């Protein structure tokens, strides 16, 4: 390439499942997946993996482009002598003072957290005494067609009447795409899986009494309009096993112990420090 800047970025590397270590190279400086992932996790406060796939890819692409831009600006700043100016040196010194304290605090807190000890008996005792916390509710996977009037809903029900099995499901999906005014319409009315209590009462009460593979015989009226519901699947509730929740309980109890230890530690530090407040 004849461009001064050679950027090697592929579509695969921009995905959240990128396996290669390097996502881009700018004038010989590599940008790695670890660096990108760290920015993504910090920017989303650790919730990056819970975002929709499309949103993850969009954010990842924006971060990579931003990091490339940063490398370009930094290189130009060095070339133009910014790093040797008094302004830069003064700002850098101030930033380093802040970073030094923040980094020391971060490492100190991690060391304090790692000191927290928790026995298997403590974890098991919590599990046994909080059994109601570890029950997975019954869930259903449903689709719906939302229309404005009861007459429209009845006409759709009449059109679907008599169909069964995959024929009913496919016809329902096509009807949802064509007729539903809800945001799930383009997806065939798919609402995904959800537990009891998540939907409005009228919808909730009906869908949890339906048989899998059937539709509502009459429209379900809610504040949003009239619904025709198709029940795609039903998943029974279950009690989660100790092994399934052990790591969660361990983290929860360690965090609680850590908070208590930090309160005690801070009181101790304050009691031996000289602290004055300005007026």
C-alpha atoms as a PDB file:
ATOM      1  CA  UNK A   1       0.000   0.000   0.000  1.00  0.00           C
ATOM      2  CA  UNK A   2       1.258   3.508  -0.775  1.00  0.00           C
ATOM      3  CA  UNK A   3      -0.522   5.122   2.193  1.00  0.00           C
ATOM      4  CA  UNK A   4       1.713   6.274   5.043  1.00  0.00           C
ATOM      5  CA  UNK A   5      -0.621   4.603   7.514  1.00  0.00           C
ATOM      6  CA  UNK A   6      -1.269   0.894   7.070  1.00  0.00           C
ATOM      7  CA  UNK A   7      -4.354  -0.245   8.906  1.00  0.00           C
ATOM      8  CA  UNK A   8      -5.181  -3.941   8.868  1.00  0.00           C
ATOM      9  CA  UNK A   9      -8.702  -4.492  10.094  1.00  0.00           C
ATOM     10  CA  UNK A  10     -11.004  -7.316   9.002  1.00  0.00           C
ATOM     11  CA  UNK A  11     -14.716  -7.807   9.587  1.00  0.00           C
ATOM     12  CA  UNK A  12     -14.067 -10.955  11.589  1.00  0.00           C
ATOM     13  CA  UNK A  13     -11.738  -9.117  13.904  1.00  0.00           C
ATOM     14  CA  UNK A  14     -14.449  -6.623  14.707  1.00  0.00           C
ATOM     15  CA  UNK A  15     -16.778  -9.274  16.069  1.00  0.00           C
ATOM     16  CA  UNK A  16     -17.099  -9.862  19.796  1.00  0.00           C
ATOM     17  CA  UNK A  17     -15.757 -13.387  19.319  1.00  0.00           C
ATOM     18  CA  UNK A  18     -12.523 -12.253  17.676  1.00  0.00           C
ATOM     19  CA  UNK A  19      -9.824 -14.825  18.350  1.00  0.00           C
ATOM     20  CA  UNK A  20      -6.728 -13.116  16.917  1.00  0.00           C
ATOM     21  CA  UNK A  21      -4.562 -11.060  19.236  1.00  0.00           C
ATOM     22  CA  UNK A  22      -4.193  -8.060  16.900  1.00  0.00           C
ATOM     23  CA  UNK A  23      -7.143  -6.147  15.458  1.00  0.00           C
ATOM     24  CA  UNK A  24      -5.229  -3.294  13.869  1.00  0.00           C
ATOM     25  CA  UNK A  25      -1.686  -2.072  13.200  1.00  0.00           C
ATOM     26  CA  UNK A  26      -1.016   1.642  12.876  1.00  0.00           C
ATOM     27  CA  UNK A  27       2.475   2.579  11.690  1.00  0.00           C
ATOM     28  CA  UNK A  28       3.843  -0.525  13.389  1.00  0.00           C
ATOM     29  CA  UNK A  29       1.918  -0.037  16.646  1.00  0.00           C
ATOM     30  CA  UNK A  30      -0.444  -2.927  17.384  1.00  0.00           C
ATOM     31  CA  UNK A  31      -3.923  -2.636  18.870  1.00  0.00           C
ATOM     32  CA  UNK A  32      -4.881  -5.929  20.508  1.00  0.00           C
ATOM     33  CA  UNK A  33      -8.185  -7.545  21.360  1.00  0.00           C
ATOM     34  CA  UNK A  34      -7.288  -7.383  25.046  1.00  0.00           C
ATOM     35  CA  UNK A  35      -6.913  -3.588  24.844  1.00  0.00           C
ATOM     36  CA  UNK A  36     -10.181  -3.227  22.950  1.00  0.00           C
ATOM     37  CA  UNK A  37     -12.047  -5.544  25.323  1.00  0.00           C
ATOM     38  CA  UNK A  38     -10.791  -3.633  28.349  1.00  0.00           C
ATOM     39  CA  UNK A  39     -12.114  -0.347  26.929  1.00  0.00           C
ATOM     40  CA  UNK A  40     -15.439  -1.993  26.069  1.00  0.00           C
ATOM     41  CA  UNK A  41     -15.912  -3.478  29.523  1.00  0.00           C
ATOM     42  CA  UNK A  42     -14.988  -0.237  31.262  1.00  0.00           C
ATOM     43  CA  UNK A  43     -17.205   1.816  28.967  1.00  0.00           C
ATOM     44  CA  UNK A  44     -20.226  -0.418  29.618  1.00  0.00           C
ATOM     45  CA  UNK A  45     -19.451  -0.946  33.316  1.00  0.00           C
ATOM     46  CA  UNK A  46     -18.936  -4.658  32.753  1.00  0.00           C
ATOM     47  CA  UNK A  47     -22.211  -5.177  30.897  1.00  0.00           C
ATOM     48  CA  UNK A  48     -20.793  -5.492  27.361  1.00  0.00           C
ATOM     49  CA  UNK A  49     -21.564  -9.214  27.046  1.00  0.00           C
ATOM     50  CA  UNK A  50     -25.216  -8.621  27.942  1.00  0.00           C
ATOM     51  CA  UNK A  51     -25.767  -6.252  25.011  1.00  0.00           C
ATOM     52  CA  UNK A  52     -27.418  -7.437  21.761  1.00  0.00           C
ATOM     53  CA  UNK A  53     -24.997  -8.871  19.221  1.00  0.00           C
ATOM     54  CA  UNK A  54     -25.516  -6.019  16.756  1.00  0.00           C
ATOM     55  CA  UNK A  55     -24.844  -3.426  19.486  1.00  0.00           C
ATOM     56  CA  UNK A  56     -21.674  -5.260  20.532  1.00  0.00           C
ATOM     57  CA  UNK A  57     -20.354  -5.202  16.983  1.00  0.00           C
ATOM     58  CA  UNK A  58     -21.233  -1.516  16.587  1.00  0.00           C
ATOM     59  CA  UNK A  59     -19.466  -0.551  19.820  1.00  0.00           C
ATOM     60  CA  UNK A  60     -16.439  -2.709  19.028  1.00  0.00           C
ATOM     61  CA  UNK A  61     -16.072  -1.091  15.634  1.00  0.00           C
ATOM     62  CA  UNK A  62     -16.354   2.405  17.112  1.00  0.00           C
ATOM     63  CA  UNK A  63     -13.753   1.624  19.788  1.00  0.00           C
ATOM     64  CA  UNK A  64     -11.295   0.211  17.258  1.00  0.00           C
ATOM     65  CA  UNK A  65     -11.747   3.276  15.035  1.00  0.00           C
ATOM     66  CA  UNK A  66     -11.291   5.540  18.062  1.00  0.00           C
ATOM     67  CA  UNK A  67      -8.103   3.768  19.121  1.00  0.00           C
ATOM     68  CA  UNK A  68      -6.749   4.020  15.585  1.00  0.00           C
ATOM     69  CA  UNK A  69      -7.498   7.749  15.576  1.00  0.00           C
ATOM     70  CA  UNK A  70      -5.778   8.101  18.946  1.00  0.00           C
ATOM     71  CA  UNK A  71      -2.631   6.416  17.624  1.00  0.00           C
ATOM     72  CA  UNK A  72      -2.619   8.713  14.603  1.00  0.00           C
ATOM     73  CA  UNK A  73      -3.018  11.837  16.729  1.00  0.00           C
ATOM     74  CA  UNK A  74      -0.355  10.671  19.185  1.00  0.00           C
ATOM     75  CA  UNK A  75       2.109  10.004  16.365  1.00  0.00           C
ATOM     76  CA  UNK A  76       1.480  13.442  14.883  1.00  0.00           C
ATOM     77  CA  UNK A  77       1.794  15.059  18.328  1.00  0.00           C
ATOM     78  CA  UNK A  78       5.212  13.438  18.786  1.00  0.00           C
ATOM     79  CA  UNK A  79       6.279  14.493  15.307  1.00  0.00           C
ATOM     80  CA  UNK A  80       5.228  18.108  15.877  1.00  0.00           C
ATOM     81  CA  UNK A  81       7.073  18.344  19.197  1.00  0.00           C
ATOM     82  CA  UNK A  82       4.087  18.414  21.557  1.00  0.00           C
ATOM     83  CA  UNK A  83       5.772  15.996  23.965  1.00  0.00           C
ATOM     84  CA  UNK A  84       8.656  18.395  24.574  1.00  0.00           C
ATOM     85  CA  UNK A  85       6.524  21.433  25.428  1.00  0.00           C
ATOM     86  CA  UNK A  86       6.203  22.784  28.976  1.00  0.00           C
ATOM     87  CA  UNK A  87       2.399  22.603  28.687  1.00  0.00           C
ATOM     88  CA  UNK A  88       2.512  18.883  27.931  1.00  0.00           C
ATOM     89  CA  UNK A  89       5.019  18.144  30.684  1.00  0.00           C
ATOM     90  CA  UNK A  90       2.974  20.052  33.272  1.00  0.00           C
ATOM     91  CA  UNK A  91      -0.265  18.310  32.273  1.00  0.00           C
ATOM     92  CA  UNK A  92       1.460  14.920  32.266  1.00  0.00           C
ATOM     93  CA  UNK A  93       2.817  15.471  35.756  1.00  0.00           C
ATOM     94  CA  UNK A  94      -0.659  16.325  37.076  1.00  0.00           C
ATOM     95  CA  UNK A  95      -2.215  13.320  35.351  1.00  0.00           C
ATOM     96  CA  UNK A  96       0.465  10.979  36.724  1.00  0.00           C
ATOM     97  CA  UNK A  97      -0.224  12.196  40.255  1.00  0.00           C
ATOM     98  CA  UNK A  98      -3.914  11.304  39.865  1.00  0.00           C
ATOM     99  CA  UNK A  99      -3.211   7.993  38.143  1.00  0.00           C
ATOM    100  CA  UNK A 100      -0.693   7.020  40.819  1.00  0.00           C
ATOM    101  CA  UNK A 101      -3.285   7.403  43.573  1.00  0.00           C
ATOM    102  CA  UNK A 102      -6.032   5.704  41.576  1.00  0.00           C
ATOM    103  CA  UNK A 103      -3.819   2.748  40.643  1.00  0.00           C
ATOM    104  CA  UNK A 104      -2.513   2.355  44.178  1.00  0.00           C
ATOM    105  CA  UNK A 105      -6.101   2.378  45.501  1.00  0.00           C
ATOM    106  CA  UNK A 106      -7.193  -0.168  42.913  1.00  0.00           C
ATOM    107  CA  UNK A 107      -4.360  -2.586  43.700  1.00  0.00           C
ATOM    108  CA  UNK A 108      -4.833  -2.048  47.462  1.00  0.00           C
ATOM    109  CA  UNK A 109      -8.555  -2.851  47.233  1.00  0.00           C
ATOM    110  CA  UNK A 110      -7.854  -5.998  45.216  1.00  0.00           C
ATOM    111  CA  UNK A 111      -5.334  -7.154  47.788  1.00  0.00           C
ATOM    112  CA  UNK A 112      -7.827  -6.524  50.578  1.00  0.00           C
ATOM    113  CA  UNK A 113     -10.530  -8.438  48.689  1.00  0.00           C
ATOM    114  CA  UNK A 114      -8.185 -11.374  48.040  1.00  0.00           C
ATOM    115  CA  UNK A 115      -7.574 -11.632  51.778  1.00  0.00           C
ATOM    116  CA  UNK A 116     -11.231 -12.408  52.423  1.00  0.00           C
ATOM    117  CA  UNK A 117     -11.585 -16.073  53.317  1.00  0.00           C
ATOM    118  CA  UNK A 118     -14.741 -18.088  52.866  1.00  0.00           C
ATOM    119  CA  UNK A 119     -15.270 -21.749  53.703  1.00  0.00           C
ATOM    120  CA  UNK A 120     -17.388 -24.222  51.765  1.00  0.00           C
ATOM    121  CA  UNK A 121     -19.494 -24.644  54.907  1.00  0.00           C
ATOM    122  CA  UNK A 122     -20.378 -20.927  54.883  1.00  0.00           C
ATOM    123  CA  UNK A 123     -21.417 -21.107  51.250  1.00  0.00           C
ATOM    124  CA  UNK A 124     -23.496 -24.254  51.813  1.00  0.00           C
ATOM    125  CA  UNK A 125     -25.121 -22.776  54.913  1.00  0.00           C
ATOM    126  CA  UNK A 126     -26.241 -19.731  52.918  1.00  0.00           C
ATOM    127  CA  UNK A 127     -27.611 -21.959  50.160  1.00  0.00           C
ATOM    128  CA  UNK A 128     -29.595 -24.085  52.610  1.00  0.00           C
ATOM    129  CA  UNK A 129     -31.055 -21.086  54.439  1.00  0.00           C
ATOM    130  CA  UNK A 130     -31.960 -19.098  51.302  1.00  0.00           C
ATOM    131  CA  UNK A 131     -33.461 -21.828  49.143  1.00  0.00           C
ATOM    132  CA  UNK A 132     -36.185 -19.497  47.862  1.00  0.00           C
ATOM    133  CA  UNK A 133     -33.544 -17.306  46.195  1.00  0.00           C
ATOM    134  CA  UNK A 134     -32.435 -20.144  43.937  1.00  0.00           C
ATOM    135  CA  UNK A 135     -35.649 -21.143  42.235  1.00  0.00           C
ATOM    136  CA  UNK A 136     -35.898 -20.583  38.507  1.00  0.00           C
ATOM    137  CA  UNK A 137     -39.444 -19.537  37.662  1.00  0.00           C
ATOM    138  CA  UNK A 138     -41.609 -21.200  35.048  1.00  0.00           C
ATOM    139  CA  UNK A 139     -41.079 -19.553  31.663  1.00  0.00           C
ATOM    140  CA  UNK A 140     -42.918 -19.465  28.380  1.00  0.00           C
ATOM    141  CA  UNK A 141     -41.796 -18.632  24.858  1.00  0.00           C
ATOM    142  CA  UNK A 142     -44.596 -16.798  23.079  1.00  0.00           C
ATOM    143  CA  UNK A 143     -45.433 -14.816  19.979  1.00  0.00           C
ATOM    144  CA  UNK A 144     -48.230 -12.324  19.539  1.00  0.00           C
ATOM    145  CA  UNK A 145     -50.028 -10.263  16.952  1.00  0.00           C
ATOM    146  CA  UNK A 146     -51.125  -6.845  18.198  1.00  0.00           C
ATOM    147  CA  UNK A 147     -53.896  -4.933  16.425  1.00  0.00           C
ATOM    148  CA  UNK A 148     -56.037  -1.916  17.279  1.00  0.00           C
ATOM    149  CA  UNK A 149     -59.542  -3.372  17.107  1.00  0.00           C
ATOM    150  CA  UNK A 150     -61.302  -6.519  18.270  1.00  0.00           C
ATOM    151  CA  UNK A 151     -62.723  -6.987  14.790  1.00  0.00           C
ATOM    152  CA  UNK A 152     -59.241  -7.121  13.264  1.00  0.00           C
ATOM    153  CA  UNK A 153     -58.141  -9.630  15.900  1.00  0.00           C
ATOM    154  CA  UNK A 154     -61.159 -11.871  15.314  1.00  0.00           C
ATOM    155  CA  UNK A 155     -60.551 -11.818  11.561  1.00  0.00           C
ATOM    156  CA  UNK A 156     -56.947 -12.981  12.080  1.00  0.00           C
ATOM    157  CA  UNK A 157     -58.060 -15.736  14.466  1.00  0.00           C
ATOM    158  CA  UNK A 158     -60.617 -16.910  11.924  1.00  0.00           C
ATOM    159  CA  UNK A 159     -57.925 -16.979   9.230  1.00  0.00           C
ATOM    160  CA  UNK A 160     -55.646 -19.126  11.418  1.00  0.00           C
ATOM    161  CA  UNK A 161     -58.427 -21.429  12.625  1.00  0.00           C
ATOM    162  CA  UNK A 162     -58.042 -25.047  11.615  1.00  0.00           C
ATOM    163  CA  UNK A 163     -54.270 -24.919  11.199  1.00  0.00           C
ATOM    164  CA  UNK A 164     -52.075 -27.018  13.498  1.00  0.00           C
ATOM    165  CA  UNK A 165     -48.442 -27.804  14.159  1.00  0.00           C
ATOM    166  CA  UNK A 166     -45.820 -26.164  11.961  1.00  0.00           C
ATOM    167  CA  UNK A 167     -48.511 -24.966   9.560  1.00  0.00           C
ATOM    168  CA  UNK A 168     -50.090 -22.914  12.355  1.00  0.00           C
ATOM    169  CA  UNK A 169     -46.752 -21.571  13.566  1.00  0.00           C
ATOM    170  CA  UNK A 170     -45.625 -20.536  10.090  1.00  0.00           C
ATOM    171  CA  UNK A 171     -48.974 -18.939   9.279  1.00  0.00           C
ATOM    172  CA  UNK A 172     -48.908 -17.059  12.592  1.00  0.00           C
ATOM    173  CA  UNK A 173     -45.402 -15.733  11.905  1.00  0.00           C
ATOM    174  CA  UNK A 174     -46.388 -14.489   8.459  1.00  0.00           C
ATOM    175  CA  UNK A 175     -49.558 -12.885   9.821  1.00  0.00           C
ATOM    176  CA  UNK A 176     -47.566 -11.144  12.565  1.00  0.00           C
ATOM    177  CA  UNK A 177     -45.154  -9.718  10.011  1.00  0.00           C
ATOM    178  CA  UNK A 178     -48.062  -8.489   7.929  1.00  0.00           C
ATOM    179  CA  UNK A 179     -50.577  -7.337  10.541  1.00  0.00           C
ATOM    180  CA  UNK A 180     -48.989  -6.739  13.948  1.00  0.00           C
ATOM    181  CA  UNK A 181     -48.505  -3.134  15.048  1.00  0.00           C
ATOM    182  CA  UNK A 182     -46.157  -4.145  17.866  1.00  0.00           C
ATOM    183  CA  UNK A 183     -42.355  -3.801  17.641  1.00  0.00           C
ATOM    184  CA  UNK A 184     -42.009  -7.592  17.489  1.00  0.00           C
ATOM    185  CA  UNK A 185     -44.058  -7.753  14.290  1.00  0.00           C
ATOM    186  CA  UNK A 186     -41.065  -7.866  11.905  1.00  0.00           C
ATOM    187  CA  UNK A 187     -39.735 -10.807  13.930  1.00  0.00           C
ATOM    188  CA  UNK A 188     -42.913 -12.784  13.486  1.00  0.00           C
ATOM    189  CA  UNK A 189     -44.308 -11.524  16.789  1.00  0.00           C
ATOM    190  CA  UNK A 190     -41.538 -13.240  18.751  1.00  0.00           C
ATOM    191  CA  UNK A 191     -41.443 -12.091  22.392  1.00  0.00           C
ATOM    192  CA  UNK A 192     -38.751 -14.542  23.431  1.00  0.00           C
ATOM    193  CA  UNK A 193     -38.869 -16.387  26.747  1.00  0.00           C
ATOM    194  CA  UNK A 194     -40.107 -14.701  29.905  1.00  0.00           C
ATOM    195  CA  UNK A 195     -41.238 -15.645  33.437  1.00  0.00           C
ATOM    196  CA  UNK A 196     -44.619 -14.957  34.997  1.00  0.00           C
ATOM    197  CA  UNK A 197     -45.135 -11.347  36.017  1.00  0.00           C
ATOM    198  CA  UNK A 198     -43.129  -9.758  33.230  1.00  0.00           C
ATOM    199  CA  UNK A 199     -46.055  -8.994  30.933  1.00  0.00           C
ATOM    200  CA  UNK A 200     -49.171  -6.944  31.704  1.00  0.00           C
ATOM    201  CA  UNK A 201     -51.659  -8.932  33.846  1.00  0.00           C
ATOM    202  CA  UNK A 202     -54.226  -9.693  31.118  1.00  0.00           C
ATOM    203  CA  UNK A 203     -51.551 -11.041  28.787  1.00  0.00           C
ATOM    204  CA  UNK A 204     -49.675 -12.847  31.563  1.00  0.00           C
ATOM    205  CA  UNK A 205     -52.744 -14.580  32.993  1.00  0.00           C
ATOM    206  CA  UNK A 206     -53.731 -15.931  29.588  1.00  0.00           C
ATOM    207  CA  UNK A 207     -50.389 -17.070  28.192  1.00  0.00           C
ATOM    208  CA  UNK A 208     -49.507 -19.174  31.247  1.00  0.00           C
ATOM    209  CA  UNK A 209     -52.743 -21.183  30.937  1.00  0.00           C
ATOM    210  CA  UNK A 210     -52.284 -22.030  27.238  1.00  0.00           C
ATOM    211  CA  UNK A 211     -51.133 -25.302  25.695  1.00  0.00           C
ATOM    212  CA  UNK A 212     -47.949 -25.332  23.641  1.00  0.00           C
ATOM    213  CA  UNK A 213     -48.605 -25.000  19.906  1.00  0.00           C
ATOM    214  CA  UNK A 214     -51.965 -23.248  20.247  1.00  0.00           C
ATOM    215  CA  UNK A 215     -53.310 -19.739  19.798  1.00  0.00           C
ATOM    216  CA  UNK A 216     -55.865 -17.814  21.830  1.00  0.00           C
ATOM    217  CA  UNK A 217     -59.425 -18.599  20.748  1.00  0.00           C
ATOM    218  CA  UNK A 218     -60.493 -15.028  21.487  1.00  0.00           C
ATOM    219  CA  UNK A 219     -58.537 -11.734  21.469  1.00  0.00           C
ATOM    220  CA  UNK A 220     -56.798 -10.661  24.654  1.00  0.00           C
ATOM    221  CA  UNK A 221     -57.474  -6.997  25.406  1.00  0.00           C
ATOM    222  CA  UNK A 222     -54.795  -4.905  27.153  1.00  0.00           C
ATOM    223  CA  UNK A 223     -53.947  -1.230  27.355  1.00  0.00           C
ATOM    224  CA  UNK A 224     -51.991  -1.640  24.102  1.00  0.00           C
ATOM    225  CA  UNK A 225     -54.800  -3.095  22.014  1.00  0.00           C
ATOM    226  CA  UNK A 226     -55.952  -6.597  21.088  1.00  0.00           C
ATOM    227  CA  UNK A 227     -53.547  -9.556  21.102  1.00  0.00           C
ATOM    228  CA  UNK A 228     -53.623 -12.931  19.441  1.00  0.00           C
ATOM    229  CA  UNK A 229     -51.115 -15.111  21.303  1.00  0.00           C
ATOM    230  CA  UNK A 230     -49.257 -18.180  20.065  1.00  0.00           C
ATOM    231  CA  UNK A 231     -47.531 -20.297  22.727  1.00  0.00           C
ATOM    232  CA  UNK A 232     -44.352 -21.706  21.232  1.00  0.00           C
ATOM    233  CA  UNK A 233     -42.847 -23.398  24.285  1.00  0.00           C
ATOM    234  CA  UNK A 234     -43.233 -23.775  28.037  1.00  0.00           C
ATOM    235  CA  UNK A 235     -40.343 -24.400  30.451  1.00  0.00           C
ATOM    236  CA  UNK A 236     -41.080 -25.690  33.932  1.00  0.00           C
ATOM    237  CA  UNK A 237     -39.645 -23.888  36.919  1.00  0.00           C
ATOM    238  CA  UNK A 238     -36.886 -25.670  38.797  1.00  0.00           C
ATOM    239  CA  UNK A 239     -34.771 -25.457  41.908  1.00  0.00           C
ATOM    240  CA  UNK A 240     -31.172 -24.666  41.055  1.00  0.00           C
ATOM    241  CA  UNK A 241     -28.556 -27.025  42.452  1.00  0.00           C
ATOM    242  CA  UNK A 242     -25.795 -25.999  44.845  1.00  0.00           C
ATOM    243  CA  UNK A 243     -23.163 -26.503  42.150  1.00  0.00           C
ATOM    244  CA  UNK A 244     -25.052 -24.188  39.785  1.00  0.00           C
ATOM    245  CA  UNK A 245     -25.085 -21.277  42.235  1.00  0.00           C
ATOM    246  CA  UNK A 246     -21.984 -21.909  44.355  1.00  0.00           C
ATOM    247  CA  UNK A 247     -19.773 -19.367  42.549  1.00  0.00           C
ATOM    248  CA  UNK A 248     -22.531 -16.736  42.725  1.00  0.00           C
ATOM    249  CA  UNK A 249     -22.980 -17.236  46.483  1.00  0.00           C
ATOM    250  CA  UNK A 250     -19.226 -17.176  47.041  1.00  0.00           C
ATOM    251  CA  UNK A 251     -18.896 -13.831  45.228  1.00  0.00           C
ATOM    252  CA  UNK A 252     -21.900 -12.406  47.071  1.00  0.00           C
ATOM    253  CA  UNK A 253     -20.633 -13.402  50.516  1.00  0.00           C
ATOM    254  CA  UNK A 254     -17.077 -12.283  49.796  1.00  0.00           C
ATOM    255  CA  UNK A 255     -18.392  -8.908  48.640  1.00  0.00           C
ATOM    256  CA  UNK A 256     -20.443  -8.525  51.818  1.00  0.00           C
ATOM    257  CA  UNK A 257     -17.446  -9.444  53.975  1.00  0.00           C
ATOM    258  CA  UNK A 258     -15.258  -7.092  51.974  1.00  0.00           C
ATOM    259  CA  UNK A 259     -17.631  -4.152  52.515  1.00  0.00           C
ATOM    260  CA  UNK A 260     -17.740  -4.816  56.250  1.00  0.00           C
ATOM    261  CA  UNK A 261     -13.956  -5.136  56.397  1.00  0.00           C
ATOM    262  CA  UNK A 262     -13.523  -1.898  54.447  1.00  0.00           C
ATOM    263  CA  UNK A 263     -15.795   0.016  56.829  1.00  0.00           C
ATOM    264  CA  UNK A 264     -13.769  -1.250  59.764  1.00  0.00           C
ATOM    265  CA  UNK A 265     -10.488  -0.503  57.995  1.00  0.00           C
ATOM    266  CA  UNK A 266     -11.528   3.047  57.068  1.00  0.00           C
ATOM    267  CA  UNK A 267     -12.577   3.811  60.635  1.00  0.00           C
ATOM    268  CA  UNK A 268      -9.186   2.576  61.811  1.00  0.00           C
ATOM    269  CA  UNK A 269      -7.327   4.696  59.250  1.00  0.00           C
ATOM    270  CA  UNK A 270      -9.384   7.763  60.080  1.00  0.00           C
ATOM    271  CA  UNK A 271      -8.820   7.354  63.796  1.00  0.00           C
ATOM    272  CA  UNK A 272      -5.055   7.542  63.365  1.00  0.00           C
ATOM    273  CA  UNK A 273      -4.981  10.265  60.695  1.00  0.00           C
ATOM    274  CA  UNK A 274      -4.872  14.036  61.024  1.00  0.00           C
ATOM    275  CA  UNK A 275      -7.837  15.337  59.044  1.00  0.00           C
ATOM    276  CA  UNK A 276      -8.864  18.988  58.908  1.00  0.00           C
ATOM    277  CA  UNK A 277     -11.641  20.582  56.875  1.00  0.00           C
ATOM    278  CA  UNK A 278     -11.511  23.991  55.255  1.00  0.00           C
ATOM    279  CA  UNK A 279     -14.095  26.595  56.267  1.00  0.00           C
END
